Amino acid sequence: MARYRRQSHVVYHCNYHIVWVSKYRFRIMEGVLKKLLEQDVYLISEWKHVQIEEMNIQKDHIQLVVSIPPK
């Protein structure tokens, strides 16, 4: 079921699946680096008014499902 969001001038449902991959898919995203990446992604998403629906950080990639307002 689609969850629609509202702003003063629009009703929208804009979800995106984003995958970030480390260069050569090196397995470096673990431990302290994983925690820092998670904090940074949440910080940037708040700054840009993006809602994170799902986030999964693996050793060689990050998967996000985000809802971005139409600006």
Protein backbone atom coordinates (compact mmCIF):
# COMPACT_ATOMS: atom_id res chain seq x y z
CA MET A 1 0.00 0.00 0.00
CA ALA A 2 1.42 3.36 -1.01
CA ARG A 3 1.97 5.97 1.67
CA TYR A 4 1.40 9.41 0.25
CA ARG A 5 3.02 12.43 1.81
CA ARG A 6 1.72 15.99 1.72
CA GLN A 7 3.16 19.44 1.44
CA SER A 8 1.29 22.71 1.14
CA HIS A 9 1.05 22.46 -2.66
CA VAL A 10 1.42 18.78 -3.52
CA VAL A 11 0.65 15.19 -2.56
CA TYR A 12 3.52 12.90 -3.53
CA HIS A 13 5.00 9.41 -3.34
CA CYS A 14 8.61 9.61 -4.57
CA ASN A 15 10.69 6.65 -3.39
CA TYR A 16 14.17 5.89 -4.69
CA HIS A 17 16.44 2.88 -4.31
CA ILE A 18 20.06 4.05 -4.01
CA VAL A 19 23.10 1.78 -3.94
CA TRP A 20 26.57 3.10 -3.12
CA VAL A 21 29.46 0.73 -3.81
CA SER A 22 33.05 1.05 -2.60
CA LYS A 23 35.71 1.26 -5.29
CA TYR A 24 36.51 -2.23 -6.63
CA ARG A 25 33.93 -3.46 -4.06
CA PHE A 26 36.58 -3.57 -1.34
CA ARG A 27 35.13 -4.92 1.92
CA ILE A 28 35.95 -1.91 4.11
CA MET A 29 32.60 -0.84 5.58
CA GLU A 30 32.64 -2.54 8.96
CA GLY A 31 33.26 -1.64 12.58
CA VAL A 32 33.81 2.04 13.36
CA LEU A 33 33.60 3.06 9.69
CA LYS A 34 30.15 1.45 9.41
CA LYS A 35 28.88 3.44 12.43
CA LEU A 36 30.33 6.70 11.06
CA LEU A 37 28.75 6.11 7.64
CA GLU A 38 25.37 5.42 9.24
CA GLN A 39 25.55 8.62 11.30
CA ASP A 40 26.63 10.67 8.27
CA VAL A 41 23.84 9.30 6.08
CA TYR A 42 21.23 10.16 8.75
CA LEU A 43 22.75 13.61 9.26
CA ILE A 44 22.74 14.43 5.53
CA SER A 45 19.21 13.07 5.10
CA GLU A 46 17.92 15.34 7.88
CA TRP A 47 19.72 18.32 6.36
CA LYS A 48 18.18 17.65 2.92
CA HIS A 49 14.69 16.76 4.31
CA VAL A 50 14.88 13.19 3.01
CA GLN A 51 13.19 10.36 4.89
CA ILE A 52 15.06 7.07 5.03
CA GLU A 53 12.61 4.18 4.65
CA GLU A 54 15.26 1.43 4.79
CA MET A 55 19.04 1.36 5.11
CA ASN A 56 21.37 -1.63 4.90
CA ILE A 57 25.14 -1.30 5.18
CA GLN A 58 27.11 -4.32 4.00
CA LYS A 59 30.91 -4.67 3.90
CA ASP A 60 31.14 -3.55 0.26
CA HIS A 61 27.98 -1.49 -0.39
CA ILE A 62 25.18 0.60 1.14
CA GLN A 63 21.54 0.21 0.08
CA LEU A 64 18.98 2.92 0.80
CA VAL A 65 15.28 3.28 0.10
CA VAL A 66 14.45 6.95 0.57
CA SER A 67 11.47 9.25 0.15
CA ILE A 68 12.45 12.58 -1.38
CA PRO A 69 10.06 15.54 -1.60
CA PRO A 70 9.56 16.98 -5.09
CA LYS A 71 11.59 20.18 -5.00
